[in-house]
Amino acid sequence: MPINWTSSSDKHGIPHEDALYAISNATGTQPTRSTIPGWTATVYVGHPHAQTDRYIEVIVATRPPRDMTIFHVMPLSDLYRHLAS
């Protein structure tokens, strides 16, 4: 599945590898509203790598069977803190 990154995903300077690690090793997920009509979106909360206790949030829009766009990556906010555990 190809991964597309929007410019807004780079706004906070978190490397793409860290975002992918957080998605693959998420401690919590939650469906959310997609900014792309006809797509579904999911919030992933996880560590950016195995050697840290901090969390990041990543929001991914998908459209089956193969489209995936990451449009939000930032340090964990209070809005999704409940997904970190």
C-alpha atoms as a PDB file:
ATOM      1  CA  MET A   1       0.000   0.000   0.000  1.00  0.00           C
ATOM      2  CA  PRO A   2       1.589   3.311  -1.028  1.00  0.00           C
ATOM      3  CA  ILE A   3       1.726   5.956   1.682  1.00  0.00           C
ATOM      4  CA  ASN A   4       1.092   9.600   0.817  1.00  0.00           C
ATOM      5  CA  TRP A   5       2.222  12.372   3.148  1.00  0.00           C
ATOM      6  CA  THR A   6       0.623  15.816   3.149  1.00  0.00           C
ATOM      7  CA  SER A   7       2.618  18.958   3.948  1.00  0.00           C
ATOM      8  CA  SER A   8       0.638  19.285   7.181  1.00  0.00           C
ATOM      9  CA  SER A   9       2.079  15.957   8.365  1.00  0.00           C
ATOM     10  CA  ASP A  10       5.517  17.585   8.477  1.00  0.00           C
ATOM     11  CA  LYS A  11       4.400  20.705  10.357  1.00  0.00           C
ATOM     12  CA  HIS A  12       5.831  19.569  13.718  1.00  0.00           C
ATOM     13  CA  GLY A  13       9.085  18.143  12.353  1.00  0.00           C
ATOM     14  CA  ILE A  14       8.472  14.539  13.388  1.00  0.00           C
ATOM     15  CA  PRO A  15      10.287  12.155  11.022  1.00  0.00           C
ATOM     16  CA  HIS A  16       8.156   9.878   8.839  1.00  0.00           C
ATOM     17  CA  GLU A  17       9.905   6.836  10.314  1.00  0.00           C
ATOM     18  CA  ASP A  18       8.743   7.858  13.796  1.00  0.00           C
ATOM     19  CA  ALA A  19       5.149   8.245  12.587  1.00  0.00           C
ATOM     20  CA  LEU A  20       5.224   4.817  10.937  1.00  0.00           C
ATOM     21  CA  TYR A  21       6.650   3.269  14.110  1.00  0.00           C
ATOM     22  CA  ALA A  22       3.858   4.849  16.178  1.00  0.00           C
ATOM     23  CA  ILE A  23       1.227   3.472  13.774  1.00  0.00           C
ATOM     24  CA  SER A  24       2.737  -0.026  13.777  1.00  0.00           C
ATOM     25  CA  ASN A  25       3.107  -0.085  17.561  1.00  0.00           C
ATOM     26  CA  ALA A  26       0.099   2.011  18.601  1.00  0.00           C
ATOM     27  CA  THR A  27      -1.033   1.851  22.209  1.00  0.00           C
ATOM     28  CA  GLY A  28      -4.454   3.148  21.187  1.00  0.00           C
ATOM     29  CA  THR A  29      -6.535   3.910  18.124  1.00  0.00           C
ATOM     30  CA  GLN A  30      -9.797   5.690  17.476  1.00  0.00           C
ATOM     31  CA  PRO A  31     -11.863   6.396  14.369  1.00  0.00           C
ATOM     32  CA  THR A  32     -12.222  10.095  13.586  1.00  0.00           C
ATOM     33  CA  ARG A  33     -13.655  12.345  10.893  1.00  0.00           C
ATOM     34  CA  SER A  34     -11.715  12.357   7.649  1.00  0.00           C
ATOM     35  CA  THR A  35     -10.849  15.616   5.955  1.00  0.00           C
ATOM     36  CA  ILE A  36     -10.984  13.797   2.615  1.00  0.00           C
ATOM     37  CA  PRO A  37     -14.565  13.101   1.436  1.00  0.00           C
ATOM     38  CA  GLY A  38     -15.272   9.382   0.969  1.00  0.00           C
ATOM     39  CA  TRP A  39     -12.288   8.257   3.050  1.00  0.00           C
ATOM     40  CA  THR A  40     -12.168   6.940   6.616  1.00  0.00           C
ATOM     41  CA  ALA A  41      -9.701   8.245   9.187  1.00  0.00           C
ATOM     42  CA  THR A  42      -8.080   6.750  12.270  1.00  0.00           C
ATOM     43  CA  VAL A  43      -6.045   8.332  15.058  1.00  0.00           C
ATOM     44  CA  TYR A  44      -3.046   6.304  16.208  1.00  0.00           C
ATOM     45  CA  VAL A  45      -1.264   7.100  19.476  1.00  0.00           C
ATOM     46  CA  GLY A  46       2.096   5.531  20.168  1.00  0.00           C
ATOM     47  CA  HIS A  47       5.754   6.039  20.898  1.00  0.00           C
ATOM     48  CA  PRO A  48       7.849   7.376  18.007  1.00  0.00           C
ATOM     49  CA  HIS A  49      10.504   4.714  18.747  1.00  0.00           C
ATOM     50  CA  ALA A  50      11.234   2.050  21.351  1.00  0.00           C
ATOM     51  CA  GLN A  51      13.687   4.124  23.402  1.00  0.00           C
ATOM     52  CA  THR A  52      11.295   6.802  24.676  1.00  0.00           C
ATOM     53  CA  ASP A  53       8.371   7.301  27.018  1.00  0.00           C
ATOM     54  CA  ARG A  54       6.869  10.182  25.029  1.00  0.00           C
ATOM     55  CA  TYR A  55       3.906   9.728  22.699  1.00  0.00           C
ATOM     56  CA  ILE A  56       2.849  11.148  19.352  1.00  0.00           C
ATOM     57  CA  GLU A  57      -0.491  11.185  17.553  1.00  0.00           C
ATOM     58  CA  VAL A  58      -0.835  10.286  13.893  1.00  0.00           C
ATOM     59  CA  ILE A  59      -4.022  10.603  11.843  1.00  0.00           C
ATOM     60  CA  VAL A  60      -4.307   8.468   8.731  1.00  0.00           C
ATOM     61  CA  ALA A  61      -6.993   8.617   6.046  1.00  0.00           C
ATOM     62  CA  THR A  62      -7.613   5.419   4.067  1.00  0.00           C
ATOM     63  CA  ARG A  63      -9.640   4.408   1.072  1.00  0.00           C
ATOM     64  CA  PRO A  64      -9.713   0.676   0.360  1.00  0.00           C
ATOM     65  CA  PRO A  65      -8.151  -1.190  -1.143  1.00  0.00           C
ATOM     66  CA  ARG A  66      -4.819   0.651  -1.213  1.00  0.00           C
ATOM     67  CA  ASP A  67      -4.873   4.387  -0.600  1.00  0.00           C
ATOM     68  CA  MET A  68      -3.338   5.737   2.606  1.00  0.00           C
ATOM     69  CA  THR A  69      -2.652   9.400   3.376  1.00  0.00           C
ATOM     70  CA  ILE A  70      -0.998  10.597   6.563  1.00  0.00           C
ATOM     71  CA  PHE A  71      -2.060  14.180   7.190  1.00  0.00           C
ATOM     72  CA  HIS A  72      -1.449  14.812  10.907  1.00  0.00           C
ATOM     73  CA  VAL A  73       1.613  14.005  13.033  1.00  0.00           C
ATOM     74  CA  MET A  74       2.389  15.823  16.270  1.00  0.00           C
ATOM     75  CA  PRO A  75       3.305  15.367  19.925  1.00  0.00           C
ATOM     76  CA  LEU A  76       0.408  13.915  21.892  1.00  0.00           C
ATOM     77  CA  SER A  77      -2.285  16.485  22.717  1.00  0.00           C
ATOM     78  CA  ASP A  78      -4.873  16.389  25.487  1.00  0.00           C
ATOM     79  CA  LEU A  79      -7.513  15.527  22.884  1.00  0.00           C
ATOM     80  CA  TYR A  80      -6.116  11.998  22.405  1.00  0.00           C
ATOM     81  CA  ARG A  81      -4.261  11.491  25.701  1.00  0.00           C
ATOM     82  CA  HIS A  82      -6.864   8.884  26.719  1.00  0.00           C
ATOM     83  CA  LEU A  83      -5.466   6.588  23.993  1.00  0.00           C
ATOM     84  CA  ALA A  84      -2.012   6.456  25.612  1.00  0.00           C
ATOM     85  CA  SER A  85      -1.707   3.683  28.150  1.00  0.00           C
END
